[in-house]
């Protein structure tokens, strides 16, 4: 995020580069930077003749270079944004010829999503020398909370950690989708609001009581009634609660719980912040592992991990005797709680 701020700050100061190569697995920041360039380098009058959007599937590298070498008309710069430029991955090295006669009055932006440019290639080194290369990396689950706090702080909002967990469970780590839902909430809710699980449930449609977050919590606490209640809800709503997602989260919980046991085995006085950092989880959710460690020994955690592997095989129809996904989950819970 700091790298993005630096790029935006330089553009604001009119410290422009002739090439911006935005690449990587996370499209959110690629979109934000390219949108900022599109909206701020030229004024509205200049855009009519000096700003164009091209698409990788519709153009060749030679056509991009030809457009880039034109001079702006009644403006200091022309802006060319090449969206979906990952479609040009096979021929991108041809762009190296542009640097023999680079046009400094052109701002050329490549949106190279879900892929990266080989750092060993000459074209990479030339772009790095003359322009900006930014790699947008996918965030891990445990990094979303910090990212979301920063985004909301700029809008004068805060968010409850459980609400963050609900969003990540429902939307994954797709920052664009999360940002879109947050934008909807900030339109509805007044500035200064802490976004709560109730806000998420009421406005986005995610249940605050029957979700994987609460399911894991019930398993950690050995709250059999709640766990079976949620399992029944999942069975009645399989479209929004696929078994493969639920079991992978349970698997992750017990794997992390084994890690928690390992960290605290010799020293029960380890700082919670250090434990959360080593486990790569939010400190807010550490209490689930603290409770879980009292209910499941290391041996039981290992047994449960093996049970989950067996269930994964059964859920794919191998030796399952035609059990429904609901029955498989109920059977699994019974073995956990024994």
C-alpha atoms as a PDB file:
ATOM      1  CA  UNK A   1       0.000   0.000   0.000  1.00  0.00           C
ATOM      2  CA  UNK A   2       2.902   2.377   0.705  1.00  0.00           C
ATOM      3  CA  UNK A   3       4.234   1.758  -2.797  1.00  0.00           C
ATOM      4  CA  UNK A   4       0.833   2.676  -4.226  1.00  0.00           C
ATOM      5  CA  UNK A   5       0.753   5.874  -2.150  1.00  0.00           C
ATOM      6  CA  UNK A   6       4.188   6.809  -3.509  1.00  0.00           C
ATOM      7  CA  UNK A   7       3.075   6.279  -7.123  1.00  0.00           C
ATOM      8  CA  UNK A   8      -0.078   8.361  -6.584  1.00  0.00           C
ATOM      9  CA  UNK A   9       1.876  11.057  -4.738  1.00  0.00           C
ATOM     10  CA  UNK A  10       4.388  11.377  -7.588  1.00  0.00           C
ATOM     11  CA  UNK A  11       1.570  11.678 -10.123  1.00  0.00           C
ATOM     12  CA  UNK A  12      -0.056  14.401  -8.009  1.00  0.00           C
ATOM     13  CA  UNK A  13       3.237  16.300  -8.073  1.00  0.00           C
ATOM     14  CA  UNK A  14       3.347  15.882 -11.874  1.00  0.00           C
ATOM     15  CA  UNK A  15       6.426  13.679 -11.575  1.00  0.00           C
ATOM     16  CA  UNK A  16       5.182  11.482 -14.396  1.00  0.00           C
ATOM     17  CA  UNK A  17       6.845   8.486 -16.035  1.00  0.00           C
ATOM     18  CA  UNK A  18       6.411   7.490 -19.683  1.00  0.00           C
ATOM     19  CA  UNK A  19       5.486   3.885 -18.798  1.00  0.00           C
ATOM     20  CA  UNK A  20       3.522   2.386 -15.895  1.00  0.00           C
ATOM     21  CA  UNK A  21       3.527  -1.395 -15.928  1.00  0.00           C
ATOM     22  CA  UNK A  22       0.977  -2.587 -13.356  1.00  0.00           C
ATOM     23  CA  UNK A  23       1.015  -6.352 -12.895  1.00  0.00           C
ATOM     24  CA  UNK A  24       0.172  -9.125 -10.442  1.00  0.00           C
ATOM     25  CA  UNK A  25      -2.504 -11.350  -8.932  1.00  0.00           C
ATOM     26  CA  UNK A  26      -4.476  -8.620  -7.126  1.00  0.00           C
ATOM     27  CA  UNK A  27      -6.359  -6.396  -9.599  1.00  0.00           C
ATOM     28  CA  UNK A  28      -7.568  -3.911  -6.953  1.00  0.00           C
ATOM     29  CA  UNK A  29      -4.489  -1.679  -6.902  1.00  0.00           C
ATOM     30  CA  UNK A  30      -3.921  -2.074 -10.640  1.00  0.00           C
ATOM     31  CA  UNK A  31      -7.412  -0.629 -11.135  1.00  0.00           C
ATOM     32  CA  UNK A  32      -6.917   2.134  -8.557  1.00  0.00           C
ATOM     33  CA  UNK A  33      -3.635   3.383 -10.073  1.00  0.00           C
ATOM     34  CA  UNK A  34      -4.856   3.228 -13.672  1.00  0.00           C
ATOM     35  CA  UNK A  35      -8.104   4.990 -12.690  1.00  0.00           C
ATOM     36  CA  UNK A  36      -6.169   7.723 -10.925  1.00  0.00           C
ATOM     37  CA  UNK A  37      -4.015   8.315 -14.004  1.00  0.00           C
ATOM     38  CA  UNK A  38      -7.102   8.314 -16.249  1.00  0.00           C
ATOM     39  CA  UNK A  39      -8.900  10.829 -14.040  1.00  0.00           C
ATOM     40  CA  UNK A  40      -6.097  13.193 -13.074  1.00  0.00           C
ATOM     41  CA  UNK A  41      -3.303  13.573 -15.641  1.00  0.00           C
ATOM     42  CA  UNK A  42      -5.407  15.415 -18.245  1.00  0.00           C
ATOM     43  CA  UNK A  43      -8.293  17.826 -17.821  1.00  0.00           C
ATOM     44  CA  UNK A  44     -11.645  17.109 -19.473  1.00  0.00           C
ATOM     45  CA  UNK A  45     -10.922  19.221 -22.567  1.00  0.00           C
ATOM     46  CA  UNK A  46      -7.557  17.539 -23.131  1.00  0.00           C
ATOM     47  CA  UNK A  47      -8.974  14.014 -22.767  1.00  0.00           C
ATOM     48  CA  UNK A  48     -11.071  14.247 -25.944  1.00  0.00           C
ATOM     49  CA  UNK A  49      -8.015  14.171 -28.214  1.00  0.00           C
ATOM     50  CA  UNK A  50      -5.290  12.833 -25.964  1.00  0.00           C
ATOM     51  CA  UNK A  51      -6.629   9.920 -23.926  1.00  0.00           C
ATOM     52  CA  UNK A  52      -7.463   6.474 -25.203  1.00  0.00           C
ATOM     53  CA  UNK A  53      -8.191   3.034 -23.778  1.00  0.00           C
ATOM     54  CA  UNK A  54      -6.992  -0.029 -25.668  1.00  0.00           C
ATOM     55  CA  UNK A  55      -7.601  -3.711 -24.902  1.00  0.00           C
ATOM     56  CA  UNK A  56      -4.916  -6.371 -25.133  1.00  0.00           C
ATOM     57  CA  UNK A  57      -7.057  -8.810 -27.091  1.00  0.00           C
ATOM     58  CA  UNK A  58      -7.807  -6.190 -29.759  1.00  0.00           C
ATOM     59  CA  UNK A  59      -4.380  -4.655 -30.427  1.00  0.00           C
ATOM     60  CA  UNK A  60      -0.822  -5.677 -31.197  1.00  0.00           C
ATOM     61  CA  UNK A  61       2.347  -4.401 -29.549  1.00  0.00           C
ATOM     62  CA  UNK A  62       3.225  -2.590 -32.786  1.00  0.00           C
ATOM     63  CA  UNK A  63      -0.119  -0.761 -32.754  1.00  0.00           C
ATOM     64  CA  UNK A  64       0.455   0.289 -29.143  1.00  0.00           C
ATOM     65  CA  UNK A  65       3.920   1.601 -30.007  1.00  0.00           C
ATOM     66  CA  UNK A  66       2.567   3.435 -33.042  1.00  0.00           C
ATOM     67  CA  UNK A  67      -0.061   5.197 -30.909  1.00  0.00           C
ATOM     68  CA  UNK A  68       2.449   5.906 -28.143  1.00  0.00           C
ATOM     69  CA  UNK A  69       4.845   7.693 -30.512  1.00  0.00           C
ATOM     70  CA  UNK A  70       2.276  10.283 -31.542  1.00  0.00           C
ATOM     71  CA  UNK A  71       2.512  13.785 -30.109  1.00  0.00           C
ATOM     72  CA  UNK A  72      -0.272  15.186 -27.900  1.00  0.00           C
ATOM     73  CA  UNK A  73      -2.669  17.738 -29.382  1.00  0.00           C
ATOM     74  CA  UNK A  74      -2.946  21.016 -27.453  1.00  0.00           C
ATOM     75  CA  UNK A  75      -1.798  19.332 -24.241  1.00  0.00           C
ATOM     76  CA  UNK A  76       1.444  18.464 -22.492  1.00  0.00           C
ATOM     77  CA  UNK A  77       0.734  14.729 -22.519  1.00  0.00           C
ATOM     78  CA  UNK A  78      -1.319  12.005 -24.083  1.00  0.00           C
ATOM     79  CA  UNK A  79      -2.487   9.059 -21.941  1.00  0.00           C
ATOM     80  CA  UNK A  80      -2.862   5.529 -23.297  1.00  0.00           C
ATOM     81  CA  UNK A  81      -4.236   2.815 -21.010  1.00  0.00           C
ATOM     82  CA  UNK A  82      -3.913  -0.777 -22.209  1.00  0.00           C
ATOM     83  CA  UNK A  83      -6.432  -2.832 -20.242  1.00  0.00           C
ATOM     84  CA  UNK A  84      -6.251  -6.638 -20.101  1.00  0.00           C
ATOM     85  CA  UNK A  85      -2.698  -6.350 -21.412  1.00  0.00           C
ATOM     86  CA  UNK A  86      -1.966  -9.833 -20.052  1.00  0.00           C
ATOM     87  CA  UNK A  87      -3.520 -10.997 -23.328  1.00  0.00           C
ATOM     88  CA  UNK A  88      -0.311  -9.706 -24.946  1.00  0.00           C
ATOM     89  CA  UNK A  89       1.936 -11.848 -22.722  1.00  0.00           C
ATOM     90  CA  UNK A  90       3.317 -13.881 -25.638  1.00  0.00           C
ATOM     91  CA  UNK A  91       4.452 -10.821 -27.568  1.00  0.00           C
ATOM     92  CA  UNK A  92       5.192  -8.361 -24.757  1.00  0.00           C
ATOM     93  CA  UNK A  93       8.954  -8.604 -25.366  1.00  0.00           C
ATOM     94  CA  UNK A  94       8.410  -6.804 -28.675  1.00  0.00           C
ATOM     95  CA  UNK A  95       7.671  -3.694 -26.616  1.00  0.00           C
ATOM     96  CA  UNK A  96      11.401  -3.408 -25.952  1.00  0.00           C
ATOM     97  CA  UNK A  97      11.796  -1.706 -29.342  1.00  0.00           C
ATOM     98  CA  UNK A  98       9.855   1.293 -27.981  1.00  0.00           C
ATOM     99  CA  UNK A  99      12.786   2.303 -25.797  1.00  0.00           C
ATOM    100  CA  UNK A 100      15.015   3.047 -28.786  1.00  0.00           C
ATOM    101  CA  UNK A 101      12.829   6.089 -29.427  1.00  0.00           C
ATOM    102  CA  UNK A 102      10.693   6.607 -26.339  1.00  0.00           C
ATOM    103  CA  UNK A 103       8.054   9.352 -26.441  1.00  0.00           C
ATOM    104  CA  UNK A 104       8.303  11.259 -23.148  1.00  0.00           C
ATOM    105  CA  UNK A 105       5.033  13.133 -23.742  1.00  0.00           C
ATOM    106  CA  UNK A 106       3.107   9.855 -23.702  1.00  0.00           C
ATOM    107  CA  UNK A 107       1.942   8.258 -20.447  1.00  0.00           C
ATOM    108  CA  UNK A 108       1.503   4.586 -21.318  1.00  0.00           C
ATOM    109  CA  UNK A 109      -0.200   2.356 -18.742  1.00  0.00           C
ATOM    110  CA  UNK A 110      -0.260  -1.442 -18.973  1.00  0.00           C
ATOM    111  CA  UNK A 111      -2.828  -3.259 -16.796  1.00  0.00           C
ATOM    112  CA  UNK A 112      -1.220  -6.709 -16.777  1.00  0.00           C
ATOM    113  CA  UNK A 113      -3.529  -8.601 -14.406  1.00  0.00           C
ATOM    114  CA  UNK A 114      -3.012 -12.054 -12.868  1.00  0.00           C
ATOM    115  CA  UNK A 115       0.457 -12.382 -14.401  1.00  0.00           C
ATOM    116  CA  UNK A 116       3.916 -10.919 -13.908  1.00  0.00           C
ATOM    117  CA  UNK A 117       6.698  -9.925 -16.264  1.00  0.00           C
ATOM    118  CA  UNK A 118       9.883 -11.989 -16.118  1.00  0.00           C
ATOM    119  CA  UNK A 119      12.462  -9.876 -14.274  1.00  0.00           C
ATOM    120  CA  UNK A 120      15.271 -11.455 -16.284  1.00  0.00           C
ATOM    121  CA  UNK A 121      13.959 -10.110 -19.585  1.00  0.00           C
ATOM    122  CA  UNK A 122      15.438  -7.030 -21.227  1.00  0.00           C
ATOM    123  CA  UNK A 123      11.991  -5.471 -21.601  1.00  0.00           C
ATOM    124  CA  UNK A 124      11.481  -5.648 -17.819  1.00  0.00           C
ATOM    125  CA  UNK A 125      14.798  -3.920 -17.185  1.00  0.00           C
ATOM    126  CA  UNK A 126      14.035  -1.180 -19.707  1.00  0.00           C
ATOM    127  CA  UNK A 127      10.587  -0.508 -18.239  1.00  0.00           C
ATOM    128  CA  UNK A 128      12.131  -0.401 -14.771  1.00  0.00           C
ATOM    129  CA  UNK A 129      14.804   2.033 -16.004  1.00  0.00           C
ATOM    130  CA  UNK A 130      12.467   4.425 -17.812  1.00  0.00           C
ATOM    131  CA  UNK A 131       9.176   3.957 -16.003  1.00  0.00           C
ATOM    132  CA  UNK A 132       7.410   2.309 -13.069  1.00  0.00           C
ATOM    133  CA  UNK A 133       6.820  -1.386 -12.471  1.00  0.00           C
ATOM    134  CA  UNK A 134       4.342  -2.216  -9.728  1.00  0.00           C
ATOM    135  CA  UNK A 135       3.479  -5.772  -8.678  1.00  0.00           C
ATOM    136  CA  UNK A 136       0.128  -6.060  -6.913  1.00  0.00           C
ATOM    137  CA  UNK A 137       0.248  -9.161  -4.716  1.00  0.00           C
ATOM    138  CA  UNK A 138      -2.759 -11.049  -3.380  1.00  0.00           C
ATOM    139  CA  UNK A 139      -3.360 -10.498   0.322  1.00  0.00           C
ATOM    140  CA  UNK A 140      -3.670 -13.409   2.737  1.00  0.00           C
ATOM    141  CA  UNK A 141      -6.803 -13.810   4.878  1.00  0.00           C
ATOM    142  CA  UNK A 142      -5.037 -12.515   7.974  1.00  0.00           C
ATOM    143  CA  UNK A 143      -3.881  -9.367   6.137  1.00  0.00           C
ATOM    144  CA  UNK A 144      -7.381  -8.254   5.118  1.00  0.00           C
ATOM    145  CA  UNK A 145      -8.248  -6.795   8.529  1.00  0.00           C
ATOM    146  CA  UNK A 146      -5.281  -4.400   8.476  1.00  0.00           C
ATOM    147  CA  UNK A 147      -5.962  -3.424   4.862  1.00  0.00           C
ATOM    148  CA  UNK A 148      -9.635  -2.801   5.569  1.00  0.00           C
ATOM    149  CA  UNK A 149      -8.867  -0.684   8.636  1.00  0.00           C
ATOM    150  CA  UNK A 150      -6.642   1.578   6.538  1.00  0.00           C
ATOM    151  CA  UNK A 151      -9.215   1.897   3.759  1.00  0.00           C
ATOM    152  CA  UNK A 152     -11.997   2.697   6.232  1.00  0.00           C
ATOM    153  CA  UNK A 153      -9.845   5.165   8.173  1.00  0.00           C
ATOM    154  CA  UNK A 154      -9.572   7.305   5.027  1.00  0.00           C
ATOM    155  CA  UNK A 155     -13.388   7.333   4.908  1.00  0.00           C
ATOM    156  CA  UNK A 156     -13.691   7.976   8.701  1.00  0.00           C
ATOM    157  CA  UNK A 157     -15.137   4.561   9.568  1.00  0.00           C
ATOM    158  CA  UNK A 158     -13.992   1.583  11.637  1.00  0.00           C
ATOM    159  CA  UNK A 159     -14.978  -2.093  11.532  1.00  0.00           C
ATOM    160  CA  UNK A 160     -15.530  -4.849  14.057  1.00  0.00           C
ATOM    161  CA  UNK A 161     -13.134  -7.804  13.548  1.00  0.00           C
ATOM    162  CA  UNK A 162     -16.052 -10.238  13.359  1.00  0.00           C
ATOM    163  CA  UNK A 163     -17.601  -8.142  10.588  1.00  0.00           C
ATOM    164  CA  UNK A 164     -14.293  -8.360   8.714  1.00  0.00           C
ATOM    165  CA  UNK A 165     -14.304 -12.138   9.125  1.00  0.00           C
ATOM    166  CA  UNK A 166     -17.842 -12.339   7.732  1.00  0.00           C
ATOM    167  CA  UNK A 167     -16.823 -10.334   4.661  1.00  0.00           C
ATOM    168  CA  UNK A 168     -13.738 -12.461   4.009  1.00  0.00           C
ATOM    169  CA  UNK A 169     -15.713 -15.675   4.439  1.00  0.00           C
ATOM    170  CA  UNK A 170     -18.415 -14.521   2.026  1.00  0.00           C
ATOM    171  CA  UNK A 171     -16.281 -12.645  -0.520  1.00  0.00           C
ATOM    172  CA  UNK A 172     -12.856 -14.259  -0.122  1.00  0.00           C
ATOM    173  CA  UNK A 173      -9.808 -12.031  -0.482  1.00  0.00           C
ATOM    174  CA  UNK A 174     -11.092 -10.262  -3.608  1.00  0.00           C
ATOM    175  CA  UNK A 175     -10.331  -6.654  -2.647  1.00  0.00           C
ATOM    176  CA  UNK A 176     -12.514  -5.191  -5.393  1.00  0.00           C
ATOM    177  CA  UNK A 177     -15.579  -7.089  -4.160  1.00  0.00           C
ATOM    178  CA  UNK A 178     -14.891  -6.178  -0.532  1.00  0.00           C
ATOM    179  CA  UNK A 179     -14.329  -2.523  -1.456  1.00  0.00           C
ATOM    180  CA  UNK A 180     -17.592  -2.448  -3.440  1.00  0.00           C
ATOM    181  CA  UNK A 181     -19.573  -3.754  -0.456  1.00  0.00           C
ATOM    182  CA  UNK A 182     -17.843  -1.314   1.889  1.00  0.00           C
ATOM    183  CA  UNK A 183     -18.698   1.556  -0.476  1.00  0.00           C
ATOM    184  CA  UNK A 184     -22.380   0.560  -0.236  1.00  0.00           C
ATOM    185  CA  UNK A 185     -22.198   0.579   3.560  1.00  0.00           C
ATOM    186  CA  UNK A 186     -20.502   3.983   3.716  1.00  0.00           C
ATOM    187  CA  UNK A 187     -23.319   5.438   1.620  1.00  0.00           C
ATOM    188  CA  UNK A 188     -25.908   4.116   4.093  1.00  0.00           C
ATOM    189  CA  UNK A 189     -24.085   4.619   7.396  1.00  0.00           C
ATOM    190  CA  UNK A 190     -23.023   7.995   8.851  1.00  0.00           C
ATOM    191  CA  UNK A 191     -19.347   8.897   9.215  1.00  0.00           C
ATOM    192  CA  UNK A 192     -17.751   7.666  12.420  1.00  0.00           C
ATOM    193  CA  UNK A 193     -19.764   4.427  12.468  1.00  0.00           C
ATOM    194  CA  UNK A 194     -18.112   1.176  13.505  1.00  0.00           C
ATOM    195  CA  UNK A 195     -19.323  -1.342  10.923  1.00  0.00           C
ATOM    196  CA  UNK A 196     -20.752  -4.261  12.889  1.00  0.00           C
ATOM    197  CA  UNK A 197     -21.881  -7.826  12.098  1.00  0.00           C
ATOM    198  CA  UNK A 198     -25.463  -6.488  12.215  1.00  0.00           C
ATOM    199  CA  UNK A 199     -24.655  -3.974   9.464  1.00  0.00           C
ATOM    200  CA  UNK A 200     -23.136  -6.759   7.354  1.00  0.00           C
ATOM    201  CA  UNK A 201     -26.137  -9.038   7.881  1.00  0.00           C
ATOM    202  CA  UNK A 202     -28.745  -6.349   7.214  1.00  0.00           C
ATOM    203  CA  UNK A 203     -27.135  -4.747   4.163  1.00  0.00           C
ATOM    204  CA  UNK A 204     -25.054  -7.451   2.492  1.00  0.00           C
ATOM    205  CA  UNK A 205     -27.108 -10.514   3.356  1.00  0.00           C
ATOM    206  CA  UNK A 206     -24.537 -12.554   5.263  1.00  0.00           C
ATOM    207  CA  UNK A 207     -25.904 -14.327   8.340  1.00  0.00           C
ATOM    208  CA  UNK A 208     -24.122 -13.246  11.520  1.00  0.00           C
ATOM    209  CA  UNK A 209     -25.231 -16.386  13.386  1.00  0.00           C
ATOM    210  CA  UNK A 210     -24.965 -19.122  10.771  1.00  0.00           C
ATOM    211  CA  UNK A 211     -21.612 -18.795   9.062  1.00  0.00           C
ATOM    212  CA  UNK A 212     -18.291 -20.588   9.037  1.00  0.00           C
ATOM    213  CA  UNK A 213     -16.832 -18.143  11.559  1.00  0.00           C
ATOM    214  CA  UNK A 214     -19.513 -19.105  14.123  1.00  0.00           C
ATOM    215  CA  UNK A 215     -19.225 -22.772  13.132  1.00  0.00           C
ATOM    216  CA  UNK A 216     -15.495 -22.832  13.885  1.00  0.00           C
ATOM    217  CA  UNK A 217     -16.143 -21.007  17.150  1.00  0.00           C
ATOM    218  CA  UNK A 218     -18.753 -23.619  18.165  1.00  0.00           C
ATOM    219  CA  UNK A 219     -16.324 -26.438  17.345  1.00  0.00           C
ATOM    220  CA  UNK A 220     -13.546 -24.737  19.341  1.00  0.00           C
ATOM    221  CA  UNK A 221     -15.862 -24.347  22.337  1.00  0.00           C
ATOM    222  CA  UNK A 222     -17.309 -27.862  21.885  1.00  0.00           C
ATOM    223  CA  UNK A 223     -20.721 -26.213  21.781  1.00  0.00           C
ATOM    224  CA  UNK A 224     -22.467 -29.238  20.292  1.00  0.00           C
ATOM    225  CA  UNK A 225     -25.935 -27.671  20.072  1.00  0.00           C
ATOM    226  CA  UNK A 226     -24.684 -24.636  18.157  1.00  0.00           C
ATOM    227  CA  UNK A 227     -22.420 -26.706  15.899  1.00  0.00           C
ATOM    228  CA  UNK A 228     -25.223 -29.091  14.889  1.00  0.00           C
ATOM    229  CA  UNK A 229     -27.612 -26.152  14.445  1.00  0.00           C
ATOM    230  CA  UNK A 230     -25.222 -24.453  12.023  1.00  0.00           C
ATOM    231  CA  UNK A 231     -24.558 -27.754  10.210  1.00  0.00           C
ATOM    232  CA  UNK A 232     -28.317 -28.083   9.660  1.00  0.00           C
ATOM    233  CA  UNK A 233     -28.468 -24.513   8.336  1.00  0.00           C
ATOM    234  CA  UNK A 234     -25.609 -25.275   5.945  1.00  0.00           C
ATOM    235  CA  UNK A 235     -27.455 -28.381   4.711  1.00  0.00           C
ATOM    236  CA  UNK A 236     -30.508 -26.247   3.939  1.00  0.00           C
ATOM    237  CA  UNK A 237     -28.398 -23.592   2.199  1.00  0.00           C
ATOM    238  CA  UNK A 238     -25.777 -25.592   0.310  1.00  0.00           C
ATOM    239  CA  UNK A 239     -25.421 -23.038  -2.484  1.00  0.00           C
ATOM    240  CA  UNK A 240     -23.974 -20.417  -0.132  1.00  0.00           C
ATOM    241  CA  UNK A 241     -22.245 -22.937   2.124  1.00  0.00           C
ATOM    242  CA  UNK A 242     -20.432 -25.539  -0.009  1.00  0.00           C
ATOM    243  CA  UNK A 243     -18.995 -28.440   1.960  1.00  0.00           C
ATOM    244  CA  UNK A 244     -15.532 -28.053   0.439  1.00  0.00           C
ATOM    245  CA  UNK A 245     -15.227 -24.507   1.821  1.00  0.00           C
ATOM    246  CA  UNK A 246     -16.457 -25.489   5.281  1.00  0.00           C
ATOM    247  CA  UNK A 247     -14.158 -28.501   5.590  1.00  0.00           C
ATOM    248  CA  UNK A 248     -11.139 -26.556   4.351  1.00  0.00           C
ATOM    249  CA  UNK A 249     -11.748 -23.924   7.044  1.00  0.00           C
ATOM    250  CA  UNK A 250     -12.111 -26.610   9.734  1.00  0.00           C
ATOM    251  CA  UNK A 251      -8.913 -28.213   8.458  1.00  0.00           C
ATOM    252  CA  UNK A 252      -7.166 -24.861   8.682  1.00  0.00           C
ATOM    253  CA  UNK A 253      -8.469 -24.374  12.238  1.00  0.00           C
ATOM    254  CA  UNK A 254      -7.090 -27.671  13.529  1.00  0.00           C
ATOM    255  CA  UNK A 255      -3.815 -27.192  11.647  1.00  0.00           C
ATOM    256  CA  UNK A 256      -3.449 -23.766  13.271  1.00  0.00           C
ATOM    257  CA  UNK A 257      -4.468 -25.237  16.629  1.00  0.00           C
ATOM    258  CA  UNK A 258      -1.603 -27.714  16.339  1.00  0.00           C
ATOM    259  CA  UNK A 259       0.672 -24.755  15.694  1.00  0.00           C
ATOM    260  CA  UNK A 260      -0.755 -22.979  18.756  1.00  0.00           C
ATOM    261  CA  UNK A 261      -0.031 -26.043  20.903  1.00  0.00           C
ATOM    262  CA  UNK A 262       3.525 -26.104  19.572  1.00  0.00           C
ATOM    263  CA  UNK A 263       4.131 -22.429  20.362  1.00  0.00           C
ATOM    264  CA  UNK A 264       2.674 -22.569  23.887  1.00  0.00           C
ATOM    265  CA  UNK A 265       3.876 -26.088  24.818  1.00  0.00           C
ATOM    266  CA  UNK A 266       7.018 -24.948  26.645  1.00  0.00           C
ATOM    267  CA  UNK A 267       5.977 -21.422  27.523  1.00  0.00           C
ATOM    268  CA  UNK A 268       2.439 -20.435  28.484  1.00  0.00           C
ATOM    269  CA  UNK A 269       3.462 -16.801  28.926  1.00  0.00           C
ATOM    270  CA  UNK A 270       4.131 -16.019  25.275  1.00  0.00           C
ATOM    271  CA  UNK A 271       2.846 -12.579  24.286  1.00  0.00           C
ATOM    272  CA  UNK A 272      -0.482 -12.992  22.400  1.00  0.00           C
ATOM    273  CA  UNK A 273       0.709 -10.534  19.742  1.00  0.00           C
ATOM    274  CA  UNK A 274       3.751 -12.730  19.096  1.00  0.00           C
ATOM    275  CA  UNK A 275       1.587 -15.857  18.885  1.00  0.00           C
ATOM    276  CA  UNK A 276      -0.825 -14.186  16.442  1.00  0.00           C
ATOM    277  CA  UNK A 277       2.098 -12.963  14.328  1.00  0.00           C
ATOM    278  CA  UNK A 278       3.720 -16.412  14.196  1.00  0.00           C
ATOM    279  CA  UNK A 279       0.399 -18.098  13.399  1.00  0.00           C
ATOM    280  CA  UNK A 280      -0.502 -15.384  10.867  1.00  0.00           C
ATOM    281  CA  UNK A 281      -3.943 -14.813  12.366  1.00  0.00           C
ATOM    282  CA  UNK A 282      -5.694 -11.743  13.742  1.00  0.00           C
ATOM    283  CA  UNK A 283      -5.085 -11.273  17.459  1.00  0.00           C
ATOM    284  CA  UNK A 284      -8.861 -10.891  17.824  1.00  0.00           C
ATOM    285  CA  UNK A 285      -9.392 -14.534  16.840  1.00  0.00           C
ATOM    286  CA  UNK A 286      -6.628 -15.901  19.051  1.00  0.00           C
ATOM    287  CA  UNK A 287      -9.163 -16.572  21.799  1.00  0.00           C
ATOM    288  CA  UNK A 288     -10.714 -19.315  19.647  1.00  0.00           C
ATOM    289  CA  UNK A 289      -7.366 -21.102  19.636  1.00  0.00           C
ATOM    290  CA  UNK A 290      -6.883 -20.534  23.361  1.00  0.00           C
ATOM    291  CA  UNK A 291     -10.289 -22.115  24.052  1.00  0.00           C
ATOM    292  CA  UNK A 292      -9.721 -24.821  21.448  1.00  0.00           C
ATOM    293  CA  UNK A 293      -6.385 -25.811  22.984  1.00  0.00           C
ATOM    294  CA  UNK A 294      -8.201 -26.619  26.241  1.00  0.00           C
ATOM    295  CA  UNK A 295     -10.760 -28.789  24.473  1.00  0.00           C
ATOM    296  CA  UNK A 296      -8.497 -30.563  21.968  1.00  0.00           C
ATOM    297  CA  UNK A 297      -5.097 -32.009  22.793  1.00  0.00           C
ATOM    298  CA  UNK A 298      -2.321 -32.141  20.205  1.00  0.00           C
ATOM    299  CA  UNK A 299      -3.145 -35.821  19.671  1.00  0.00           C
ATOM    300  CA  UNK A 300      -6.847 -35.055  19.148  1.00  0.00           C
ATOM    301  CA  UNK A 301      -5.989 -32.235  16.714  1.00  0.00           C
ATOM    302  CA  UNK A 302      -3.873 -34.652  14.665  1.00  0.00           C
ATOM    303  CA  UNK A 303      -6.709 -37.206  14.685  1.00  0.00           C
ATOM    304  CA  UNK A 304      -9.172 -34.541  13.536  1.00  0.00           C
ATOM    305  CA  UNK A 305      -6.888 -33.478  10.693  1.00  0.00           C
ATOM    306  CA  UNK A 306      -6.803 -37.109   9.522  1.00  0.00           C
ATOM    307  CA  UNK A 307     -10.607 -37.335   9.829  1.00  0.00           C
ATOM    308  CA  UNK A 308     -10.912 -34.287   7.588  1.00  0.00           C
ATOM    309  CA  UNK A 309      -8.662 -35.882   4.983  1.00  0.00           C
ATOM    310  CA  UNK A 310     -10.868 -38.990   5.032  1.00  0.00           C
ATOM    311  CA  UNK A 311     -13.964 -36.842   4.693  1.00  0.00           C
ATOM    312  CA  UNK A 312     -12.491 -35.037   1.706  1.00  0.00           C
ATOM    313  CA  UNK A 313     -12.171 -38.391  -0.034  1.00  0.00           C
ATOM    314  CA  UNK A 314     -15.718 -39.404   0.950  1.00  0.00           C
ATOM    315  CA  UNK A 315     -17.190 -36.103  -0.223  1.00  0.00           C
ATOM    316  CA  UNK A 316     -15.835 -36.915  -3.669  1.00  0.00           C
ATOM    317  CA  UNK A 317     -17.821 -40.161  -3.687  1.00  0.00           C
ATOM    318  CA  UNK A 318     -15.104 -42.626  -2.696  1.00  0.00           C
ATOM    319  CA  UNK A 319     -16.350 -45.110  -0.087  1.00  0.00           C
ATOM    320  CA  UNK A 320     -19.038 -42.753   1.140  1.00  0.00           C
ATOM    321  CA  UNK A 321     -22.005 -45.145   0.803  1.00  0.00           C
ATOM    322  CA  UNK A 322     -23.981 -42.320  -0.801  1.00  0.00           C
ATOM    323  CA  UNK A 323     -24.026 -40.187   2.360  1.00  0.00           C
ATOM    324  CA  UNK A 324     -25.215 -36.619   1.830  1.00  0.00           C
ATOM    325  CA  UNK A 325     -22.849 -33.772   2.551  1.00  0.00           C
ATOM    326  CA  UNK A 326     -24.971 -32.924   5.599  1.00  0.00           C
ATOM    327  CA  UNK A 327     -24.668 -36.477   6.947  1.00  0.00           C
ATOM    328  CA  UNK A 328     -20.923 -36.429   6.342  1.00  0.00           C
ATOM    329  CA  UNK A 329     -20.636 -33.207   8.335  1.00  0.00           C
ATOM    330  CA  UNK A 330     -22.784 -34.565  11.191  1.00  0.00           C
ATOM    331  CA  UNK A 331     -20.693 -37.741  11.261  1.00  0.00           C
ATOM    332  CA  UNK A 332     -17.535 -35.636  11.399  1.00  0.00           C
ATOM    333  CA  UNK A 333     -18.820 -33.508  14.291  1.00  0.00           C
ATOM    334  CA  UNK A 334     -19.715 -36.640  16.235  1.00  0.00           C
ATOM    335  CA  UNK A 335     -16.123 -37.850  15.940  1.00  0.00           C
ATOM    336  CA  UNK A 336     -14.747 -34.429  16.923  1.00  0.00           C
ATOM    337  CA  UNK A 337     -16.852 -34.263  20.078  1.00  0.00           C
ATOM    338  CA  UNK A 338     -16.243 -37.842  21.272  1.00  0.00           C
END
